[in-house]
């Protein structure tokens, strides 16, 4: 009888331990509830069990970013790159550098990836935004122009281009782009912003 009781106790303990083992779904569920700390806690547990999993590292970095731990997130993104060199991790680093106000570093990382992914609109827009925040409007306009050359009907980007051209003192080109925007997207906020200035 003692053997049966002991076997049942071991079985029950096993069931309890298995029930308590958390999965990546738990992390997603916590994130969906904006409980980023618990979502991160789950990922830390999973990463400790499988330290060579690049996705676990990049997800950990994402959750650190959501928590505002930008420096730690950069370190986690860099660790994930050592496991799998991918654009997602570099984009995460750029986001962290932007959040930290390190605009030159954000541009440097974006440029390093633009040598590989020349037509990536996300990289172009992030580099442009970093240049804009740095108040280098000529540089920002050059990134937005590259994006427009690839996607001429992206009117939101055209609006950003107009704004940066104007701020850079390139009024004639800003007017030319403004006319195109006015023709194709007359309800754009940039049209009302520059009405009477670029008309």
N, C-alpha and C. Protein backbone atom coordinates (compact mmCIF):
# COMPACT_ATOMS: atom_id res chain seq x y z
N UNK A 1 0.81 -1.19 0.00
CA UNK A 1 0.00 0.00 0.00
C UNK A 1 0.86 1.26 0.00
N UNK A 2 1.97 1.24 0.71
CA UNK A 2 2.88 2.38 0.73
C UNK A 2 3.42 2.70 -0.66
N UNK A 3 3.63 1.64 -1.45
CA UNK A 3 4.13 1.84 -2.82
C UNK A 3 3.09 2.57 -3.66
N UNK A 4 1.85 2.23 -3.49
CA UNK A 4 0.77 2.87 -4.25
C UNK A 4 0.65 4.33 -3.85
N UNK A 5 0.67 4.60 -2.56
CA UNK A 5 0.58 5.98 -2.07
C UNK A 5 1.76 6.80 -2.57
N UNK A 6 2.96 6.23 -2.48
CA UNK A 6 4.16 6.92 -2.95
C UNK A 6 4.09 7.19 -4.45
N UNK A 7 3.62 6.22 -5.22
CA UNK A 7 3.48 6.39 -6.66
C UNK A 7 2.48 7.50 -6.97
N UNK A 8 1.38 7.54 -6.25
CA UNK A 8 0.38 8.59 -6.45
C UNK A 8 0.93 9.97 -6.11
N UNK A 9 1.69 10.05 -5.04
CA UNK A 9 2.30 11.34 -4.65
C UNK A 9 3.27 11.82 -5.73
N UNK A 10 4.10 10.91 -6.22
CA UNK A 10 5.05 11.26 -7.29
C UNK A 10 4.30 11.70 -8.53
N UNK A 11 3.24 11.00 -8.88
CA UNK A 11 2.44 11.34 -10.04
C UNK A 11 1.79 12.70 -9.89
N UNK A 12 1.23 12.96 -8.73
CA UNK A 12 0.61 14.27 -8.47
C UNK A 12 1.62 15.40 -8.52
N UNK A 13 2.80 15.17 -7.95
CA UNK A 13 3.85 16.19 -8.00
C UNK A 13 4.28 16.46 -9.43
N UNK A 14 4.38 15.40 -10.22
CA UNK A 14 4.75 15.55 -11.63
C UNK A 14 3.71 16.38 -12.38
N UNK A 15 2.45 16.09 -12.11
CA UNK A 15 1.37 16.84 -12.77
C UNK A 15 1.42 18.31 -12.37
N UNK A 16 1.64 18.58 -11.09
CA UNK A 16 1.72 19.96 -10.60
C UNK A 16 2.91 20.68 -11.25
N UNK A 17 4.05 20.01 -11.31
CA UNK A 17 5.24 20.63 -11.91
C UNK A 17 5.03 20.90 -13.39
N UNK A 18 4.41 19.96 -14.10
CA UNK A 18 4.13 20.17 -15.52
C UNK A 18 3.14 21.31 -15.72
N UNK A 19 2.16 21.40 -14.84
CA UNK A 19 1.15 22.46 -14.94
C UNK A 19 1.78 23.82 -14.71
N UNK A 20 2.82 23.89 -13.89
CA UNK A 20 3.46 25.16 -13.58
C UNK A 20 4.50 25.57 -14.62
N UNK A 21 4.91 24.66 -15.49
CA UNK A 21 5.90 25.00 -16.50
C UNK A 21 5.27 25.96 -17.50
N UNK A 22 5.89 27.12 -17.65
CA UNK A 22 5.30 28.15 -18.50
C UNK A 22 5.82 28.03 -19.92
N UNK A 23 5.00 28.50 -20.85
CA UNK A 23 5.35 28.43 -22.27
C UNK A 23 5.34 29.82 -22.87
N UNK A 24 5.75 29.90 -24.10
CA UNK A 24 5.77 31.19 -24.79
C UNK A 24 4.37 31.78 -24.90
N UNK A 25 3.35 30.92 -24.96
CA UNK A 25 1.98 31.42 -24.98
C UNK A 25 1.65 32.23 -23.74
N UNK A 26 2.22 31.83 -22.61
CA UNK A 26 2.01 32.61 -21.39
C UNK A 26 2.58 34.01 -21.55
N UNK A 27 3.73 34.10 -22.17
CA UNK A 27 4.36 35.40 -22.40
C UNK A 27 3.48 36.26 -23.30
N UNK A 28 2.97 35.66 -24.38
CA UNK A 28 2.07 36.41 -25.28
C UNK A 28 0.81 36.87 -24.55
N UNK A 29 0.27 36.00 -23.72
CA UNK A 29 -0.95 36.36 -22.99
C UNK A 29 -0.71 37.51 -22.02
N UNK A 30 0.43 37.49 -21.33
CA UNK A 30 0.77 38.61 -20.44
C UNK A 30 0.94 39.89 -21.25
N UNK A 31 1.62 39.79 -22.38
CA UNK A 31 1.83 40.98 -23.22
C UNK A 31 0.50 41.55 -23.70
N UNK A 32 -0.42 40.68 -24.09
CA UNK A 32 -1.73 41.13 -24.56
C UNK A 32 -2.47 41.91 -23.49
N UNK A 33 -2.17 41.62 -22.22
CA UNK A 33 -2.78 42.34 -21.10
C UNK A 33 -1.91 43.52 -20.64
N UNK A 34 -0.88 43.81 -21.42
CA UNK A 34 0.07 44.89 -21.09
C UNK A 34 0.83 44.63 -19.80
N UNK A 35 0.93 43.37 -19.43
CA UNK A 35 1.72 42.97 -18.26
C UNK A 35 3.10 42.54 -18.78
N UNK A 36 3.87 43.55 -19.16
CA UNK A 36 5.15 43.29 -19.81
C UNK A 36 6.17 42.65 -18.87
N UNK A 37 6.07 42.99 -17.59
CA UNK A 37 7.03 42.43 -16.62
C UNK A 37 6.87 40.92 -16.51
N UNK A 38 5.65 40.44 -16.40
CA UNK A 38 5.43 38.99 -16.33
C UNK A 38 5.73 38.32 -17.67
N UNK A 39 5.42 39.01 -18.76
CA UNK A 39 5.75 38.47 -20.09
C UNK A 39 7.26 38.27 -20.20
N UNK A 40 8.02 39.25 -19.71
CA UNK A 40 9.48 39.16 -19.71
C UNK A 40 9.97 38.06 -18.78
N UNK A 41 9.34 37.94 -17.63
CA UNK A 41 9.72 36.90 -16.68
C UNK A 41 9.62 35.50 -17.31
N UNK A 42 8.55 35.28 -18.06
CA UNK A 42 8.39 34.00 -18.76
C UNK A 42 9.52 33.80 -19.77
N UNK A 43 9.83 34.85 -20.51
CA UNK A 43 10.89 34.73 -21.52
C UNK A 43 12.25 34.50 -20.88
N UNK A 44 12.50 35.11 -19.73
CA UNK A 44 13.76 34.87 -19.02
C UNK A 44 13.88 33.40 -18.61
N UNK A 45 12.77 32.83 -18.15
CA UNK A 45 12.77 31.40 -17.80
C UNK A 45 13.05 30.53 -19.02
N UNK A 46 12.36 30.83 -20.11
CA UNK A 46 12.53 30.03 -21.32
C UNK A 46 13.95 30.17 -21.88
N UNK A 47 14.48 31.38 -21.85
CA UNK A 47 15.84 31.62 -22.35
C UNK A 47 16.89 30.91 -21.50
N UNK A 48 16.64 30.86 -20.21
CA UNK A 48 17.59 30.16 -19.32
C UNK A 48 17.64 28.67 -19.66
N UNK A 49 16.51 28.11 -20.07
CA UNK A 49 16.47 26.69 -20.44
C UNK A 49 17.03 26.43 -21.83
N UNK A 50 16.97 27.46 -22.70
CA UNK A 50 17.41 27.30 -24.10
C UNK A 50 18.17 28.55 -24.53
N UNK A 51 19.39 28.74 -24.01
CA UNK A 51 20.13 29.99 -24.25
C UNK A 51 20.60 30.20 -25.68
N UNK A 52 20.49 29.20 -26.54
CA UNK A 52 20.92 29.38 -27.93
C UNK A 52 19.75 29.67 -28.87
N UNK A 53 18.58 29.94 -28.32
CA UNK A 53 17.42 30.24 -29.15
C UNK A 53 17.39 31.74 -29.46
N UNK A 54 17.60 32.09 -30.72
CA UNK A 54 17.67 33.50 -31.13
C UNK A 54 16.33 34.19 -30.95
N UNK A 55 15.23 33.49 -31.21
CA UNK A 55 13.92 34.12 -31.07
C UNK A 55 13.63 34.49 -29.62
N UNK A 56 14.00 33.62 -28.71
CA UNK A 56 13.80 33.93 -27.29
C UNK A 56 14.55 35.21 -26.92
N UNK A 57 15.76 35.37 -27.44
CA UNK A 57 16.56 36.57 -27.13
C UNK A 57 15.90 37.82 -27.72
N UNK A 58 15.43 37.70 -28.97
CA UNK A 58 14.85 38.89 -29.62
C UNK A 58 13.51 39.26 -28.97
N UNK A 59 12.77 38.25 -28.54
CA UNK A 59 11.51 38.54 -27.84
C UNK A 59 11.77 39.16 -26.47
N UNK A 60 12.80 38.68 -25.81
CA UNK A 60 13.21 39.28 -24.53
C UNK A 60 13.55 40.76 -24.74
N UNK A 61 14.31 41.04 -25.81
CA UNK A 61 14.68 42.43 -26.12
C UNK A 61 13.44 43.28 -26.37
N UNK A 62 12.49 42.74 -27.11
CA UNK A 62 11.26 43.48 -27.40
C UNK A 62 10.52 43.85 -26.12
N UNK A 63 10.42 42.91 -25.22
CA UNK A 63 9.71 43.17 -23.96
C UNK A 63 10.49 44.17 -23.10
N UNK A 64 11.81 44.09 -23.12
CA UNK A 64 12.62 45.09 -22.40
C UNK A 64 12.38 46.48 -23.00
N UNK A 65 12.27 46.53 -24.31
CA UNK A 65 11.98 47.80 -24.98
C UNK A 65 10.62 48.34 -24.52
N UNK A 66 9.62 47.48 -24.48
CA UNK A 66 8.29 47.92 -24.03
C UNK A 66 8.30 48.41 -22.59
N UNK A 67 9.20 47.87 -21.78
CA UNK A 67 9.33 48.29 -20.39
C UNK A 67 10.19 49.55 -20.23
N UNK A 68 10.76 50.03 -21.34
CA UNK A 68 11.60 51.22 -21.27
C UNK A 68 13.03 50.94 -20.86
N UNK A 69 13.42 49.68 -20.84
CA UNK A 69 14.80 49.30 -20.50
C UNK A 69 15.61 49.21 -21.80
N UNK A 70 15.86 50.37 -22.40
CA UNK A 70 16.41 50.42 -23.75
C UNK A 70 17.84 49.89 -23.84
N UNK A 71 18.67 50.21 -22.85
CA UNK A 71 20.06 49.74 -22.86
C UNK A 71 20.11 48.23 -22.75
N UNK A 72 19.30 47.67 -21.85
CA UNK A 72 19.23 46.21 -21.71
C UNK A 72 18.69 45.57 -22.98
N UNK A 73 17.71 46.22 -23.59
CA UNK A 73 17.14 45.70 -24.83
C UNK A 73 18.19 45.64 -25.93
N UNK A 74 19.01 46.69 -26.04
CA UNK A 74 20.08 46.69 -27.04
C UNK A 74 21.00 45.50 -26.82
N UNK A 75 21.37 45.26 -25.57
CA UNK A 75 22.24 44.12 -25.26
C UNK A 75 21.58 42.80 -25.67
N UNK A 76 20.30 42.66 -25.42
CA UNK A 76 19.59 41.43 -25.80
C UNK A 76 19.50 41.30 -27.31
N UNK A 77 19.25 42.42 -28.00
CA UNK A 77 19.24 42.37 -29.47
C UNK A 77 20.61 41.96 -30.01
N UNK A 78 21.66 42.50 -29.41
CA UNK A 78 23.01 42.13 -29.85
C UNK A 78 23.30 40.65 -29.60
N UNK A 79 22.81 40.14 -28.47
CA UNK A 79 22.97 38.70 -28.20
C UNK A 79 22.22 37.87 -29.24
N UNK A 80 21.05 38.33 -29.63
CA UNK A 80 20.28 37.58 -30.63
C UNK A 80 20.99 37.59 -31.98
N UNK A 81 21.65 38.71 -32.31
CA UNK A 81 22.39 38.81 -33.57
C UNK A 81 23.53 37.80 -33.61
N UNK A 82 24.16 37.57 -32.47
CA UNK A 82 25.24 36.57 -32.41
C UNK A 82 24.70 35.17 -32.71
N UNK A 83 23.43 34.95 -32.39
CA UNK A 83 22.81 33.64 -32.64
C UNK A 83 22.24 33.56 -34.05
N UNK A 84 21.67 34.67 -34.52
CA UNK A 84 21.08 34.72 -35.86
C UNK A 84 21.09 36.17 -36.33
N UNK A 85 21.91 36.46 -37.31
CA UNK A 85 22.03 37.82 -37.83
C UNK A 85 20.79 38.12 -38.68
N UNK A 86 19.88 38.96 -38.13
CA UNK A 86 18.64 39.24 -38.86
C UNK A 86 18.25 40.71 -38.72
N UNK A 87 17.51 41.18 -39.70
CA UNK A 87 17.11 42.58 -39.77
C UNK A 87 16.23 42.99 -38.59
N UNK A 88 15.38 42.07 -38.10
CA UNK A 88 14.51 42.40 -36.97
C UNK A 88 15.30 42.93 -35.77
N UNK A 89 16.43 42.29 -35.49
CA UNK A 89 17.23 42.71 -34.34
C UNK A 89 17.83 44.10 -34.56
N UNK A 90 18.30 44.37 -35.77
CA UNK A 90 18.87 45.70 -36.05
C UNK A 90 17.78 46.77 -35.96
N UNK A 91 16.59 46.45 -36.44
CA UNK A 91 15.48 47.39 -36.35
C UNK A 91 15.16 47.68 -34.89
N UNK A 92 15.21 46.65 -34.06
CA UNK A 92 14.99 46.84 -32.62
C UNK A 92 16.05 47.74 -32.00
N UNK A 93 17.29 47.56 -32.41
CA UNK A 93 18.38 48.42 -31.90
C UNK A 93 18.14 49.86 -32.31
N UNK A 94 17.73 50.07 -33.56
CA UNK A 94 17.44 51.44 -34.02
C UNK A 94 16.34 52.06 -33.16
N UNK A 95 15.27 51.28 -32.90
CA UNK A 95 14.18 51.80 -32.07
C UNK A 95 14.68 52.21 -30.68
N UNK A 96 15.55 51.39 -30.12
CA UNK A 96 16.12 51.70 -28.79
C UNK A 96 16.98 52.96 -28.84
N UNK A 97 17.80 53.08 -29.87
CA UNK A 97 18.66 54.27 -30.00
C UNK A 97 17.81 55.52 -30.16
N UNK A 98 16.72 55.41 -30.91
CA UNK A 98 15.80 56.55 -31.04
C UNK A 98 15.21 56.92 -29.69
N UNK A 99 14.78 55.92 -28.95
CA UNK A 99 14.18 56.16 -27.63
C UNK A 99 15.19 56.79 -26.67
N UNK A 100 16.46 56.42 -26.81
CA UNK A 100 17.51 56.98 -25.94
C UNK A 100 17.98 58.36 -26.41
N UNK A 101 17.52 58.78 -27.58
CA UNK A 101 17.96 60.07 -28.13
C UNK A 101 19.32 60.00 -28.80
N UNK A 102 19.79 58.79 -29.10
CA UNK A 102 21.08 58.60 -29.78
C UNK A 102 20.84 58.56 -31.29
N UNK A 103 20.52 59.72 -31.86
CA UNK A 103 20.08 59.78 -33.26
C UNK A 103 21.20 59.43 -34.24
N UNK A 104 22.40 59.87 -33.95
CA UNK A 104 23.52 59.54 -34.85
C UNK A 104 23.77 58.04 -34.89
N UNK A 105 23.65 57.39 -33.73
CA UNK A 105 23.85 55.94 -33.67
C UNK A 105 22.71 55.22 -34.40
N UNK A 106 21.50 55.72 -34.26
CA UNK A 106 20.37 55.13 -34.99
C UNK A 106 20.60 55.21 -36.49
N UNK A 107 21.11 56.35 -36.96
CA UNK A 107 21.41 56.53 -38.38
C UNK A 107 22.53 55.59 -38.80
N UNK A 108 23.55 55.46 -37.97
CA UNK A 108 24.68 54.57 -38.30
C UNK A 108 24.21 53.13 -38.47
N UNK A 109 23.38 52.66 -37.54
CA UNK A 109 22.89 51.28 -37.63
C UNK A 109 22.00 51.12 -38.87
N UNK A 110 21.14 52.10 -39.12
CA UNK A 110 20.27 52.04 -40.30
C UNK A 110 21.10 52.01 -41.57
N UNK A 111 22.10 52.88 -41.65
CA UNK A 111 22.96 52.92 -42.84
C UNK A 111 23.70 51.60 -43.05
N UNK A 112 24.15 50.98 -41.96
CA UNK A 112 24.86 49.70 -42.09
C UNK A 112 23.95 48.64 -42.69
N UNK A 113 22.68 48.69 -42.35
CA UNK A 113 21.73 47.71 -42.89
C UNK A 113 21.23 48.11 -44.28
N UNK A 114 21.21 49.40 -44.57
CA UNK A 114 20.79 49.85 -45.90
C UNK A 114 21.80 49.46 -46.98
N UNK A 115 23.04 49.16 -46.58
CA UNK A 115 23.99 48.65 -47.58
C UNK A 115 23.60 47.24 -48.03
N UNK A 116 22.87 46.53 -47.16
CA UNK A 116 22.42 45.17 -47.47
C UNK A 116 20.98 45.19 -48.01
N UNK A 117 20.13 45.97 -47.33
CA UNK A 117 18.70 46.04 -47.65
C UNK A 117 18.39 47.43 -48.22
N UNK A 118 18.89 47.70 -49.41
CA UNK A 118 18.85 49.05 -49.98
C UNK A 118 17.44 49.63 -50.12
N UNK A 119 16.46 48.78 -50.32
CA UNK A 119 15.12 49.26 -50.59
C UNK A 119 14.15 49.01 -49.43
N UNK A 120 14.68 48.88 -48.25
CA UNK A 120 13.81 48.59 -47.12
C UNK A 120 13.15 49.89 -46.62
N UNK A 121 11.83 50.00 -46.76
CA UNK A 121 11.16 51.24 -46.37
C UNK A 121 11.21 51.53 -44.88
N UNK A 122 11.24 50.49 -44.06
CA UNK A 122 11.31 50.69 -42.61
C UNK A 122 12.64 51.33 -42.23
N UNK A 123 13.73 50.80 -42.77
CA UNK A 123 15.05 51.37 -42.48
C UNK A 123 15.14 52.81 -42.97
N UNK A 124 14.64 53.06 -44.18
CA UNK A 124 14.68 54.42 -44.73
C UNK A 124 13.89 55.39 -43.85
N UNK A 125 12.70 54.97 -43.42
CA UNK A 125 11.89 55.89 -42.62
C UNK A 125 12.47 56.11 -41.23
N UNK A 126 13.07 55.07 -40.65
CA UNK A 126 13.67 55.24 -39.32
C UNK A 126 14.91 56.13 -39.40
N UNK A 127 15.71 55.95 -40.44
CA UNK A 127 16.89 56.81 -40.63
C UNK A 127 16.44 58.25 -40.86
N UNK A 128 15.40 58.43 -41.65
CA UNK A 128 14.88 59.78 -41.92
C UNK A 128 14.38 60.43 -40.63
N UNK A 129 13.67 59.66 -39.84
CA UNK A 129 13.13 60.18 -38.59
C UNK A 129 14.26 60.57 -37.63
N UNK A 130 15.30 59.74 -37.57
CA UNK A 130 16.46 60.05 -36.72
C UNK A 130 17.12 61.35 -37.18
N UNK A 131 17.26 61.49 -38.50
CA UNK A 131 17.87 62.72 -39.03
C UNK A 131 16.99 63.94 -38.74
N UNK A 132 15.68 63.76 -38.85
CA UNK A 132 14.75 64.85 -38.53
C UNK A 132 14.90 65.27 -37.06
N UNK A 133 14.94 64.28 -36.17
CA UNK A 133 15.08 64.59 -34.74
C UNK A 133 16.42 65.26 -34.45
N UNK A 134 17.40 64.94 -35.27
CA UNK A 134 18.73 65.55 -35.14
C UNK A 134 18.77 66.95 -35.75
N UNK A 135 17.66 67.31 -36.40
CA UNK A 135 17.51 68.59 -37.10
C UNK A 135 18.41 68.68 -38.34
N UNK A 136 18.76 67.54 -38.90
CA UNK A 136 19.48 67.49 -40.16
C UNK A 136 18.45 67.22 -41.25
N UNK A 137 17.73 68.30 -41.61
CA UNK A 137 16.59 68.17 -42.50
C UNK A 137 16.98 67.77 -43.92
N UNK A 138 18.16 68.19 -44.36
CA UNK A 138 18.63 67.79 -45.69
C UNK A 138 18.83 66.28 -45.74
N UNK A 139 19.46 65.73 -44.70
CA UNK A 139 19.66 64.29 -44.65
C UNK A 139 18.32 63.56 -44.55
N UNK A 140 17.43 64.06 -43.70
CA UNK A 140 16.10 63.43 -43.57
C UNK A 140 15.39 63.42 -44.92
N UNK A 141 15.43 64.54 -45.63
CA UNK A 141 14.78 64.62 -46.95
C UNK A 141 15.39 63.62 -47.92
N UNK A 142 16.70 63.40 -47.83
CA UNK A 142 17.34 62.46 -48.76
C UNK A 142 16.84 61.03 -48.52
N UNK A 143 16.62 60.65 -47.26
CA UNK A 143 16.07 59.32 -46.97
C UNK A 143 14.62 59.23 -47.45
N UNK A 144 13.84 60.27 -47.17
CA UNK A 144 12.44 60.25 -47.62
C UNK A 144 12.35 60.22 -49.14
N UNK A 145 13.27 60.91 -49.81
CA UNK A 145 13.28 60.90 -51.28
C UNK A 145 13.56 59.49 -51.80
N UNK A 146 14.49 58.79 -51.17
CA UNK A 146 14.77 57.41 -51.56
C UNK A 146 13.54 56.54 -51.40
N UNK A 147 12.79 56.76 -50.33
CA UNK A 147 11.56 55.99 -50.10
C UNK A 147 10.51 56.32 -51.16
N UNK A 148 10.38 57.60 -51.51
CA UNK A 148 9.42 58.01 -52.54
C UNK A 148 9.82 57.47 -53.91
N UNK A 149 11.11 57.41 -54.18
CA UNK A 149 11.56 56.84 -55.45
C UNK A 149 11.11 55.38 -55.58
N UNK A 150 11.07 54.68 -54.44
CA UNK A 150 10.63 53.28 -54.42
C UNK A 150 9.11 53.15 -54.40
N UNK A 151 8.47 54.04 -53.64
CA UNK A 151 7.02 53.96 -53.43
C UNK A 151 6.39 55.33 -53.69
N UNK A 152 6.24 55.69 -54.97
CA UNK A 152 5.79 57.06 -55.30
C UNK A 152 4.38 57.40 -54.84
N UNK A 153 3.55 56.40 -54.52
CA UNK A 153 2.18 56.70 -54.12
C UNK A 153 2.00 56.66 -52.61
N UNK A 154 3.08 56.62 -51.88
CA UNK A 154 3.01 56.69 -50.42
C UNK A 154 2.92 58.17 -50.03
N UNK A 155 1.71 58.64 -49.89
CA UNK A 155 1.49 60.07 -49.68
C UNK A 155 1.90 60.55 -48.28
N UNK A 156 1.85 59.66 -47.32
CA UNK A 156 2.30 60.05 -45.97
C UNK A 156 3.80 60.36 -46.00
N UNK A 157 4.56 59.49 -46.66
CA UNK A 157 6.00 59.73 -46.77
C UNK A 157 6.28 60.98 -47.60
N UNK A 158 5.49 61.20 -48.63
CA UNK A 158 5.66 62.42 -49.44
C UNK A 158 5.43 63.65 -48.57
N UNK A 159 4.49 63.57 -47.66
CA UNK A 159 4.27 64.69 -46.74
C UNK A 159 5.48 64.95 -45.87
N UNK A 160 6.09 63.88 -45.35
CA UNK A 160 7.32 64.04 -44.55
C UNK A 160 8.44 64.63 -45.40
N UNK A 161 8.51 64.21 -46.65
CA UNK A 161 9.53 64.74 -47.56
C UNK A 161 9.34 66.24 -47.73
N UNK A 162 8.11 66.66 -47.97
CA UNK A 162 7.82 68.09 -48.15
C UNK A 162 8.25 68.88 -46.92
N UNK A 163 7.88 68.41 -45.77
CA UNK A 163 8.21 69.10 -44.52
C UNK A 163 9.72 69.27 -44.37
N UNK A 164 10.46 68.20 -44.62
CA UNK A 164 11.92 68.27 -44.46
C UNK A 164 12.59 69.09 -45.55
N UNK A 165 12.05 69.03 -46.77
CA UNK A 165 12.59 69.89 -47.84
C UNK A 165 12.41 71.36 -47.47
N UNK A 166 11.23 71.69 -46.98
CA UNK A 166 10.97 73.08 -46.59
C UNK A 166 11.89 73.51 -45.45
N UNK A 167 12.00 72.67 -44.42
CA UNK A 167 12.85 73.00 -43.28
C UNK A 167 14.33 73.10 -43.67
N UNK A 168 14.71 72.36 -44.73
CA UNK A 168 16.10 72.40 -45.21
C UNK A 168 16.34 73.59 -46.14
N UNK A 169 15.31 74.38 -46.40
CA UNK A 169 15.47 75.54 -47.27
C UNK A 169 15.38 75.21 -48.75
N UNK A 170 14.94 74.00 -49.09
CA UNK A 170 14.81 73.59 -50.49
C UNK A 170 13.37 73.84 -50.95
N UNK A 171 13.04 75.12 -50.99
CA UNK A 171 11.66 75.53 -51.21
C UNK A 171 11.12 75.12 -52.57
N UNK A 172 11.90 75.25 -53.61
CA UNK A 172 11.40 74.91 -54.95
C UNK A 172 11.02 73.43 -55.04
N UNK A 173 11.86 72.56 -54.53
CA UNK A 173 11.55 71.13 -54.55
C UNK A 173 10.38 70.82 -53.62
N UNK A 174 10.31 71.51 -52.49
CA UNK A 174 9.18 71.34 -51.57
C UNK A 174 7.88 71.71 -52.28
N UNK A 175 7.89 72.80 -53.06
CA UNK A 175 6.69 73.22 -53.81
C UNK A 175 6.30 72.17 -54.85
N UNK A 176 7.28 71.62 -55.53
CA UNK A 176 7.00 70.61 -56.55
C UNK A 176 6.35 69.37 -55.92
N UNK A 177 6.91 68.93 -54.81
CA UNK A 177 6.35 67.77 -54.12
C UNK A 177 4.98 68.10 -53.52
N UNK A 178 4.83 69.33 -53.06
CA UNK A 178 3.55 69.79 -52.49
C UNK A 178 2.44 69.71 -53.52
N UNK A 179 2.74 70.13 -54.76
CA UNK A 179 1.73 70.09 -55.83
C UNK A 179 1.29 68.66 -56.11
N UNK A 180 2.22 67.73 -56.10
CA UNK A 180 1.87 66.32 -56.30
C UNK A 180 1.00 65.82 -55.16
N UNK A 181 1.36 66.17 -53.94
CA UNK A 181 0.59 65.74 -52.78
C UNK A 181 -0.82 66.35 -52.82
N UNK A 182 -0.90 67.61 -53.19
CA UNK A 182 -2.19 68.30 -53.26
C UNK A 182 -3.09 67.65 -54.31
N UNK A 183 -2.49 67.21 -55.40
CA UNK A 183 -3.25 66.58 -56.48
C UNK A 183 -3.79 65.21 -56.06
N UNK A 184 -2.94 64.40 -55.41
CA UNK A 184 -3.30 63.02 -55.13
C UNK A 184 -3.86 62.78 -53.72
N UNK A 185 -3.54 63.68 -52.80
CA UNK A 185 -4.01 63.49 -51.42
C UNK A 185 -4.34 64.85 -50.80
N UNK A 186 -5.39 65.50 -51.33
CA UNK A 186 -5.70 66.87 -50.89
C UNK A 186 -6.08 67.01 -49.43
N UNK A 187 -6.43 65.88 -48.78
CA UNK A 187 -6.81 65.95 -47.36
C UNK A 187 -5.62 65.72 -46.43
N UNK A 188 -4.43 65.60 -46.98
CA UNK A 188 -3.23 65.38 -46.17
C UNK A 188 -3.04 66.55 -45.19
N UNK A 189 -2.67 66.26 -43.94
CA UNK A 189 -2.42 67.34 -42.98
C UNK A 189 -1.33 68.31 -43.44
N UNK A 190 -0.38 67.81 -44.24
CA UNK A 190 0.70 68.69 -44.73
C UNK A 190 0.14 69.78 -45.65
N UNK A 191 -0.92 69.45 -46.39
CA UNK A 191 -1.55 70.45 -47.28
C UNK A 191 -2.06 71.62 -46.46
N UNK A 192 -2.75 71.33 -45.37
CA UNK A 192 -3.26 72.44 -44.54
C UNK A 192 -2.12 73.17 -43.82
N UNK A 193 -1.06 72.42 -43.44
CA UNK A 193 0.07 73.04 -42.76
C UNK A 193 0.77 74.07 -43.66
N UNK A 194 0.95 73.69 -44.93
CA UNK A 194 1.72 74.54 -45.85
C UNK A 194 0.86 75.35 -46.81
N UNK A 195 -0.46 75.35 -46.59
CA UNK A 195 -1.35 76.16 -47.43
C UNK A 195 -0.97 77.63 -47.27
N UNK A 196 -0.81 78.31 -48.37
CA UNK A 196 -0.42 79.71 -48.33
C UNK A 196 1.08 79.91 -48.24
N UNK A 197 1.81 78.84 -47.97
CA UNK A 197 3.29 78.91 -47.92
C UNK A 197 3.87 78.32 -49.19
N UNK A 198 3.35 77.16 -49.59
CA UNK A 198 3.89 76.47 -50.76
C UNK A 198 2.94 76.50 -51.95
N UNK A 199 1.74 77.10 -51.78
CA UNK A 199 0.79 77.19 -52.90
C UNK A 199 1.33 78.10 -54.00
